[in-house]
Amino acid sequence: MPVHESTRCWCVVPAAGRGARMGAVISKQYLELAGQPLLLHTLQRLAAHARIAGLVVVLAADDAHWPGITQLAGKPVLRARGGDERADSVLAGLRALPDTVAAQDGVLVHDAARPLLRAQDLGHLVQAGLAHAHGAILAAPVRDTLKRADAAGCIVATEPRAGLWRALTPQMARRGDLERALSMAAQAGVAITDEAMALERIGLQPRLVEGSEDNIKITTPADLAYAEFWLARHG
């Protein structure tokens, strides 16, 4: 069944980071994964979904590896120049969206280094984000026991995990809300670690949508090896 245009969303993909923890010569989003750059897996997975109308990829000013893609799966792929921090890059991506994306339209933000996003999770997120005025994020409930440590690395307390979730991406919000939230955080000098945090600062409460825990962010060589295994099994 075709997806109505009003229920399709653009997606901003910040990809201006260096990924120093990978210990690689090139930025981690260009490391080879199953025969092609990690970033291309992420973009292809997003573009293949019926809920996605187009993509804005936010790259470093000196990025020499971007292959110049202008469309995927018949959908436009735009390029924007990123900033020093993730929040700066997301804001640049939002400002690079087409004028046809109105302030009240939903926009997704997805990490470039999360190539294992499941289509079903993406569909559930968009459905929830369109229904909830404050947006929505993919997340996973905390299942492990949490320990608080002191400066010496010794346990000082066991923290209750009830009601705690790990934030994943994509995260979805109205374009106008997210632009305002990120701009206000930048003006206040607040370091924003994800889009939901910026929305929380202006009094919004995005909805948590449980997503698959294998939607990992590639951060270490072990993560890259797991992603190879996952793609070999799931495609």
C-alpha atoms as a PDB file:
ATOM      1  CA  MET A   1       0.000   0.000   0.000  1.00  0.00           C
ATOM      2  CA  PRO A   2       1.452   3.414  -0.970  1.00  0.00           C
ATOM      3  CA  VAL A   3       2.456   5.748   1.862  1.00  0.00           C
ATOM      4  CA  HIS A   4       0.727   9.143   1.726  1.00  0.00           C
ATOM      5  CA  GLU A   5       3.116  12.071   1.259  1.00  0.00           C
ATOM      6  CA  SER A   6       1.949  13.712   4.514  1.00  0.00           C
ATOM      7  CA  THR A   7       3.147  10.703   6.518  1.00  0.00           C
ATOM      8  CA  ARG A   8       6.638  10.663   4.982  1.00  0.00           C
ATOM      9  CA  CYS A   9       9.574  12.366   6.691  1.00  0.00           C
ATOM     10  CA  TRP A  10      12.967  13.698   5.755  1.00  0.00           C
ATOM     11  CA  CYS A  11      15.941  12.345   7.693  1.00  0.00           C
ATOM     12  CA  VAL A  12      19.066  14.250   8.771  1.00  0.00           C
ATOM     13  CA  VAL A  13      22.180  12.087   9.099  1.00  0.00           C
ATOM     14  CA  PRO A  14      25.083  13.803  10.939  1.00  0.00           C
ATOM     15  CA  ALA A  15      28.316  12.310   9.559  1.00  0.00           C
ATOM     16  CA  ALA A  16      30.936  14.950  10.318  1.00  0.00           C
ATOM     17  CA  GLY A  17      32.590  13.122  13.239  1.00  0.00           C
ATOM     18  CA  ARG A  18      35.993  11.466  13.245  1.00  0.00           C
ATOM     19  CA  GLY A  19      35.345   8.358  15.345  1.00  0.00           C
ATOM     20  CA  ALA A  20      38.707   8.463  17.122  1.00  0.00           C
ATOM     21  CA  ARG A  21      37.948   5.381  19.230  1.00  0.00           C
ATOM     22  CA  MET A  22      38.069   3.192  16.122  1.00  0.00           C
ATOM     23  CA  GLY A  23      41.780   3.928  15.786  1.00  0.00           C
ATOM     24  CA  ALA A  24      41.421   4.101  11.995  1.00  0.00           C
ATOM     25  CA  VAL A  25      43.133   6.392   9.492  1.00  0.00           C
ATOM     26  CA  ILE A  26      39.848   7.472   7.896  1.00  0.00           C
ATOM     27  CA  SER A  27      36.608   8.540   9.576  1.00  0.00           C
ATOM     28  CA  LYS A  28      34.695   5.508  10.818  1.00  0.00           C
ATOM     29  CA  GLN A  29      31.679   6.158   8.591  1.00  0.00           C
ATOM     30  CA  TYR A  30      33.879   5.280   5.598  1.00  0.00           C
ATOM     31  CA  LEU A  31      35.291   2.047   7.009  1.00  0.00           C
ATOM     32  CA  GLU A  32      34.402  -0.959   4.890  1.00  0.00           C
ATOM     33  CA  LEU A  33      31.447  -2.998   6.098  1.00  0.00           C
ATOM     34  CA  ALA A  34      30.354  -6.004   4.042  1.00  0.00           C
ATOM     35  CA  GLY A  35      32.041  -4.632   0.942  1.00  0.00           C
ATOM     36  CA  GLN A  36      30.972  -0.977   1.072  1.00  0.00           C
ATOM     37  CA  PRO A  37      31.353   2.061   3.355  1.00  0.00           C
ATOM     38  CA  LEU A  38      29.488   1.884   6.649  1.00  0.00           C
ATOM     39  CA  LEU A  39      27.749   5.196   5.875  1.00  0.00           C
ATOM     40  CA  LEU A  40      26.311   3.832   2.633  1.00  0.00           C
ATOM     41  CA  HIS A  41      24.690   0.929   4.510  1.00  0.00           C
ATOM     42  CA  THR A  42      23.022   3.430   6.844  1.00  0.00           C
ATOM     43  CA  LEU A  43      21.767   5.640   4.019  1.00  0.00           C
ATOM     44  CA  GLN A  44      20.503   2.715   1.951  1.00  0.00           C
ATOM     45  CA  ARG A  45      18.580   1.296   4.890  1.00  0.00           C
ATOM     46  CA  LEU A  46      16.899   4.655   5.486  1.00  0.00           C
ATOM     47  CA  ALA A  47      16.169   5.403   1.822  1.00  0.00           C
ATOM     48  CA  ALA A  48      14.639   1.969   1.262  1.00  0.00           C
ATOM     49  CA  HIS A  49      11.865   2.661   3.767  1.00  0.00           C
ATOM     50  CA  ALA A  50       8.549   3.952   2.439  1.00  0.00           C
ATOM     51  CA  ARG A  51       8.297   6.461   5.311  1.00  0.00           C
ATOM     52  CA  ILE A  52      11.426   8.350   4.228  1.00  0.00           C
ATOM     53  CA  ALA A  53      10.992  11.159   1.693  1.00  0.00           C
ATOM     54  CA  GLY A  54      14.637  12.224   1.420  1.00  0.00           C
ATOM     55  CA  LEU A  55      17.956  12.520   3.233  1.00  0.00           C
ATOM     56  CA  VAL A  56      20.308  15.322   4.279  1.00  0.00           C
ATOM     57  CA  VAL A  57      23.830  14.048   4.971  1.00  0.00           C
ATOM     58  CA  VAL A  58      25.914  16.431   7.081  1.00  0.00           C
ATOM     59  CA  LEU A  59      29.635  16.128   6.362  1.00  0.00           C
ATOM     60  CA  ALA A  60      32.858  17.714   7.559  1.00  0.00           C
ATOM     61  CA  ALA A  61      34.092  20.625   5.462  1.00  0.00           C
ATOM     62  CA  ASP A  62      37.241  18.689   4.517  1.00  0.00           C
ATOM     63  CA  ASP A  63      35.487  15.385   3.766  1.00  0.00           C
ATOM     64  CA  ALA A  64      37.289  13.934   0.741  1.00  0.00           C
ATOM     65  CA  HIS A  65      35.595  10.523   0.767  1.00  0.00           C
ATOM     66  CA  TRP A  66      31.948  11.409   0.099  1.00  0.00           C
ATOM     67  CA  PRO A  67      31.073   9.799  -3.254  1.00  0.00           C
ATOM     68  CA  GLY A  68      28.744  12.601  -4.324  1.00  0.00           C
ATOM     69  CA  ILE A  69      25.510  10.626  -4.101  1.00  0.00           C
ATOM     70  CA  THR A  70      22.472  12.722  -5.044  1.00  0.00           C
ATOM     71  CA  GLN A  71      19.769  10.060  -4.775  1.00  0.00           C
ATOM     72  CA  LEU A  72      19.128   6.614  -3.336  1.00  0.00           C
ATOM     73  CA  ALA A  73      16.111   4.407  -4.013  1.00  0.00           C
ATOM     74  CA  GLY A  74      14.733   7.233  -6.136  1.00  0.00           C
ATOM     75  CA  LYS A  75      14.837   9.685  -3.206  1.00  0.00           C
ATOM     76  CA  PRO A  76      16.886  12.903  -3.022  1.00  0.00           C
ATOM     77  CA  VAL A  77      20.104  12.981  -1.015  1.00  0.00           C
ATOM     78  CA  LEU A  78      21.288  16.482  -0.091  1.00  0.00           C
ATOM     79  CA  ARG A  79      24.641  17.471   1.405  1.00  0.00           C
ATOM     80  CA  ALA A  80      25.265  20.008   4.180  1.00  0.00           C
ATOM     81  CA  ARG A  81      28.415  21.200   5.935  1.00  0.00           C
ATOM     82  CA  GLY A  82      28.715  20.115   9.571  1.00  0.00           C
ATOM     83  CA  GLY A  83      29.933  21.955  12.650  1.00  0.00           C
ATOM     84  CA  ASP A  84      32.321  21.244  15.505  1.00  0.00           C
ATOM     85  CA  GLU A  85      29.770  19.336  17.597  1.00  0.00           C
ATOM     86  CA  ARG A  86      27.001  16.897  16.740  1.00  0.00           C
ATOM     87  CA  ALA A  87      24.310  19.417  17.681  1.00  0.00           C
ATOM     88  CA  ASP A  88      25.877  21.981  15.320  1.00  0.00           C
ATOM     89  CA  SER A  89      25.768  19.436  12.502  1.00  0.00           C
ATOM     90  CA  VAL A  90      22.148  18.488  13.164  1.00  0.00           C
ATOM     91  CA  LEU A  91      21.152  22.148  13.164  1.00  0.00           C
ATOM     92  CA  ALA A  92      22.984  22.651   9.859  1.00  0.00           C
ATOM     93  CA  GLY A  93      21.139  19.659   8.439  1.00  0.00           C
ATOM     94  CA  LEU A  94      17.770  21.002   9.543  1.00  0.00           C
ATOM     95  CA  ARG A  95      18.521  24.339   7.908  1.00  0.00           C
ATOM     96  CA  ALA A  96      19.459  22.535   4.673  1.00  0.00           C
ATOM     97  CA  LEU A  97      16.073  20.813   4.382  1.00  0.00           C
ATOM     98  CA  PRO A  98      13.917  21.827   1.414  1.00  0.00           C
ATOM     99  CA  ASP A  99      11.484  24.681   1.931  1.00  0.00           C
ATOM    100  CA  THR A 100       8.668  22.192   1.377  1.00  0.00           C
ATOM    101  CA  VAL A 101       9.424  20.716   4.820  1.00  0.00           C
ATOM    102  CA  ALA A 102       7.306  22.935   7.064  1.00  0.00           C
ATOM    103  CA  ALA A 103       7.942  23.812  10.712  1.00  0.00           C
ATOM    104  CA  GLN A 104       5.201  21.413  11.852  1.00  0.00           C
ATOM    105  CA  ASP A 105       6.462  18.507   9.716  1.00  0.00           C
ATOM    106  CA  GLY A 106       8.208  15.588  11.356  1.00  0.00           C
ATOM    107  CA  VAL A 107      11.956  15.173  10.789  1.00  0.00           C
ATOM    108  CA  LEU A 108      14.142  12.240  11.805  1.00  0.00           C
ATOM    109  CA  VAL A 109      17.769  12.394  12.951  1.00  0.00           C
ATOM    110  CA  HIS A 110      19.781   9.178  12.683  1.00  0.00           C
ATOM    111  CA  ASP A 111      23.410   8.404  13.551  1.00  0.00           C
ATOM    112  CA  ALA A 112      25.586   7.709  10.511  1.00  0.00           C
ATOM    113  CA  ALA A 113      27.209   4.856  12.434  1.00  0.00           C
ATOM    114  CA  ARG A 114      23.976   2.908  13.083  1.00  0.00           C
ATOM    115  CA  PRO A 115      23.700   0.750   9.943  1.00  0.00           C
ATOM    116  CA  LEU A 116      21.567  -2.011  11.512  1.00  0.00           C
ATOM    117  CA  LEU A 117      18.292  -0.122  11.911  1.00  0.00           C
ATOM    118  CA  ARG A 118      15.323  -2.423  11.373  1.00  0.00           C
ATOM    119  CA  ALA A 119      12.576  -1.268   9.000  1.00  0.00           C
ATOM    120  CA  GLN A 120       9.872  -2.269  11.478  1.00  0.00           C
ATOM    121  CA  ASP A 121      11.397  -0.075  14.199  1.00  0.00           C
ATOM    122  CA  LEU A 122      11.585   2.871  11.809  1.00  0.00           C
ATOM    123  CA  GLY A 123       7.938   2.437  10.890  1.00  0.00           C
ATOM    124  CA  HIS A 124       6.851   2.284  14.534  1.00  0.00           C
ATOM    125  CA  LEU A 125       8.867   5.407  15.344  1.00  0.00           C
ATOM    126  CA  VAL A 126       7.343   7.495  12.556  1.00  0.00           C
ATOM    127  CA  GLN A 127       3.861   6.359  13.502  1.00  0.00           C
ATOM    128  CA  ALA A 128       4.415   7.323  17.152  1.00  0.00           C
ATOM    129  CA  GLY A 129       6.187  10.571  16.299  1.00  0.00           C
ATOM    130  CA  LEU A 130       3.397  11.767  14.043  1.00  0.00           C
ATOM    131  CA  ALA A 131       0.792  10.925  16.682  1.00  0.00           C
ATOM    132  CA  HIS A 132       2.622  12.638  19.577  1.00  0.00           C
ATOM    133  CA  ALA A 133       3.033  16.404  19.447  1.00  0.00           C
ATOM    134  CA  HIS A 134       6.418  16.300  21.192  1.00  0.00           C
ATOM    135  CA  GLY A 135       7.997  13.722  18.886  1.00  0.00           C
ATOM    136  CA  ALA A 136       9.455  10.309  19.704  1.00  0.00           C
ATOM    137  CA  ILE A 137      12.741   8.418  19.904  1.00  0.00           C
ATOM    138  CA  LEU A 138      13.795   4.811  19.549  1.00  0.00           C
ATOM    139  CA  ALA A 139      15.110   3.502  22.869  1.00  0.00           C
ATOM    140  CA  ALA A 140      15.756   0.301  24.779  1.00  0.00           C
ATOM    141  CA  PRO A 141      14.908  -0.359  28.445  1.00  0.00           C
ATOM    142  CA  VAL A 142      17.931  -0.764  30.709  1.00  0.00           C
ATOM    143  CA  ARG A 143      18.134  -4.451  31.629  1.00  0.00           C
ATOM    144  CA  ASP A 144      21.542  -4.683  33.323  1.00  0.00           C
ATOM    145  CA  THR A 145      22.197  -3.881  36.966  1.00  0.00           C
ATOM    146  CA  LEU A 146      23.636  -0.375  37.263  1.00  0.00           C
ATOM    147  CA  LYS A 147      26.529   0.461  39.592  1.00  0.00           C
ATOM    148  CA  ARG A 148      27.734   3.905  40.643  1.00  0.00           C
ATOM    149  CA  ALA A 149      31.517   4.189  41.095  1.00  0.00           C
ATOM    150  CA  ASP A 150      33.785   6.548  43.006  1.00  0.00           C
ATOM    151  CA  ALA A 151      36.928   8.203  41.638  1.00  0.00           C
ATOM    152  CA  ALA A 152      38.960   5.085  42.460  1.00  0.00           C
ATOM    153  CA  GLY A 153      36.657   2.826  40.441  1.00  0.00           C
ATOM    154  CA  CYS A 154      35.042   1.157  43.447  1.00  0.00           C
ATOM    155  CA  ILE A 155      31.301   0.568  43.754  1.00  0.00           C
ATOM    156  CA  VAL A 156      29.528   3.027  46.024  1.00  0.00           C
ATOM    157  CA  ALA A 157      25.912   2.165  45.151  1.00  0.00           C
ATOM    158  CA  THR A 158      23.589   0.028  43.078  1.00  0.00           C
ATOM    159  CA  GLU A 159      21.206   2.275  41.148  1.00  0.00           C
ATOM    160  CA  PRO A 160      17.565   1.355  40.516  1.00  0.00           C
ATOM    161  CA  ARG A 161      16.970   0.737  36.817  1.00  0.00           C
ATOM    162  CA  ALA A 162      13.180   1.032  36.844  1.00  0.00           C
ATOM    163  CA  GLY A 163      12.083   3.592  34.288  1.00  0.00           C
ATOM    164  CA  LEU A 164      15.557   3.964  32.733  1.00  0.00           C
ATOM    165  CA  TRP A 165      16.043   3.639  28.969  1.00  0.00           C
ATOM    166  CA  ARG A 166      19.034   3.810  26.596  1.00  0.00           C
ATOM    167  CA  ALA A 167      18.468   6.380  23.877  1.00  0.00           C
ATOM    168  CA  LEU A 168      18.938   5.113  20.321  1.00  0.00           C
ATOM    169  CA  THR A 169      18.302   6.742  16.957  1.00  0.00           C
ATOM    170  CA  PRO A 170      16.450   7.730  14.874  1.00  0.00           C
ATOM    171  CA  GLN A 171      14.928  10.477  16.987  1.00  0.00           C
ATOM    172  CA  MET A 172      11.963  12.372  15.597  1.00  0.00           C
ATOM    173  CA  ALA A 173      10.561  15.848  16.207  1.00  0.00           C
ATOM    174  CA  ARG A 174       8.738  18.657  14.459  1.00  0.00           C
ATOM    175  CA  ARG A 175      11.242  20.610  12.363  1.00  0.00           C
ATOM    176  CA  GLY A 176      10.449  23.921  14.045  1.00  0.00           C
ATOM    177  CA  ASP A 177      10.652  22.513  17.582  1.00  0.00           C
ATOM    178  CA  LEU A 178      14.012  20.885  17.000  1.00  0.00           C
ATOM    179  CA  GLU A 179      15.560  23.917  15.291  1.00  0.00           C
ATOM    180  CA  ARG A 180      14.402  26.120  18.184  1.00  0.00           C
ATOM    181  CA  ALA A 181      15.606  23.669  20.839  1.00  0.00           C
ATOM    182  CA  LEU A 182      19.069  23.249  19.311  1.00  0.00           C
ATOM    183  CA  SER A 183      19.471  26.992  18.706  1.00  0.00           C
ATOM    184  CA  MET A 184      18.558  27.804  22.319  1.00  0.00           C
ATOM    185  CA  ALA A 185      20.961  25.175  23.667  1.00  0.00           C
ATOM    186  CA  ALA A 186      23.784  26.584  21.529  1.00  0.00           C
ATOM    187  CA  GLN A 187      23.077  30.120  22.732  1.00  0.00           C
ATOM    188  CA  ALA A 188      23.167  28.878  26.345  1.00  0.00           C
ATOM    189  CA  GLY A 189      26.428  27.000  25.811  1.00  0.00           C
ATOM    190  CA  VAL A 190      24.825  23.664  26.763  1.00  0.00           C
ATOM    191  CA  ALA A 191      26.440  20.521  25.343  1.00  0.00           C
ATOM    192  CA  ILE A 192      23.655  18.457  23.769  1.00  0.00           C
ATOM    193  CA  THR A 193      24.222  14.707  23.521  1.00  0.00           C
ATOM    194  CA  ASP A 194      21.051  13.838  21.631  1.00  0.00           C
ATOM    195  CA  GLU A 195      18.073  15.586  20.080  1.00  0.00           C
ATOM    196  CA  ALA A 196      15.688  14.537  22.849  1.00  0.00           C
ATOM    197  CA  MET A 197      17.860  16.341  25.405  1.00  0.00           C
ATOM    198  CA  ALA A 198      17.455  19.588  23.469  1.00  0.00           C
ATOM    199  CA  LEU A 199      13.684  19.088  23.302  1.00  0.00           C
ATOM    200  CA  GLU A 200      13.545  18.380  27.039  1.00  0.00           C
ATOM    201  CA  ARG A 201      15.237  21.725  27.723  1.00  0.00           C
ATOM    202  CA  ILE A 202      12.316  23.604  26.138  1.00  0.00           C
ATOM    203  CA  GLY A 203       9.707  21.631  28.067  1.00  0.00           C
ATOM    204  CA  LEU A 204       8.827  18.928  25.535  1.00  0.00           C
ATOM    205  CA  GLN A 205       8.508  15.237  26.401  1.00  0.00           C
ATOM    206  CA  PRO A 206       9.193  12.956  23.430  1.00  0.00           C
ATOM    207  CA  ARG A 207       7.649   9.498  23.523  1.00  0.00           C
ATOM    208  CA  LEU A 208       9.861   6.437  24.032  1.00  0.00           C
ATOM    209  CA  VAL A 209       9.401   3.768  21.362  1.00  0.00           C
ATOM    210  CA  GLU A 210      11.049   0.450  22.161  1.00  0.00           C
ATOM    211  CA  GLY A 211      13.464  -0.545  19.422  1.00  0.00           C
ATOM    212  CA  SER A 212      15.714  -3.522  18.753  1.00  0.00           C
ATOM    213  CA  GLU A 213      18.823  -3.639  20.908  1.00  0.00           C
ATOM    214  CA  ASP A 214      20.934  -4.680  17.924  1.00  0.00           C
ATOM    215  CA  ASN A 215      20.525  -1.148  16.533  1.00  0.00           C
ATOM    216  CA  ILE A 216      24.046  -0.467  17.792  1.00  0.00           C
ATOM    217  CA  LYS A 217      26.281   2.523  17.146  1.00  0.00           C
ATOM    218  CA  ILE A 218      29.568   1.407  15.606  1.00  0.00           C
ATOM    219  CA  THR A 219      32.193   2.773  17.977  1.00  0.00           C
ATOM    220  CA  THR A 220      34.905   0.097  18.295  1.00  0.00           C
ATOM    221  CA  PRO A 221      36.427  -2.578  16.028  1.00  0.00           C
ATOM    222  CA  ALA A 222      34.358  -5.171  17.935  1.00  0.00           C
ATOM    223  CA  ASP A 223      31.178  -3.318  16.954  1.00  0.00           C
ATOM    224  CA  LEU A 224      32.253  -3.398  13.309  1.00  0.00           C
ATOM    225  CA  ALA A 225      32.845  -7.158  13.522  1.00  0.00           C
ATOM    226  CA  TYR A 226      29.382  -7.629  15.060  1.00  0.00           C
ATOM    227  CA  ALA A 227      27.817  -5.570  12.263  1.00  0.00           C
ATOM    228  CA  GLU A 228      29.519  -7.799   9.664  1.00  0.00           C
ATOM    229  CA  PHE A 229      28.048 -10.854  11.385  1.00  0.00           C
ATOM    230  CA  TRP A 230      24.587  -9.248  11.643  1.00  0.00           C
ATOM    231  CA  LEU A 231      24.492  -8.272   7.979  1.00  0.00           C
ATOM    232  CA  ALA A 232      25.604 -11.741   6.928  1.00  0.00           C
ATOM    233  CA  ARG A 233      22.611 -13.168   8.780  1.00  0.00           C
ATOM    234  CA  HIS A 234      19.956 -10.537   8.141  1.00  0.00           C
ATOM    235  CA  GLY A 235      21.093  -8.820   4.943  1.00  0.00           C
END
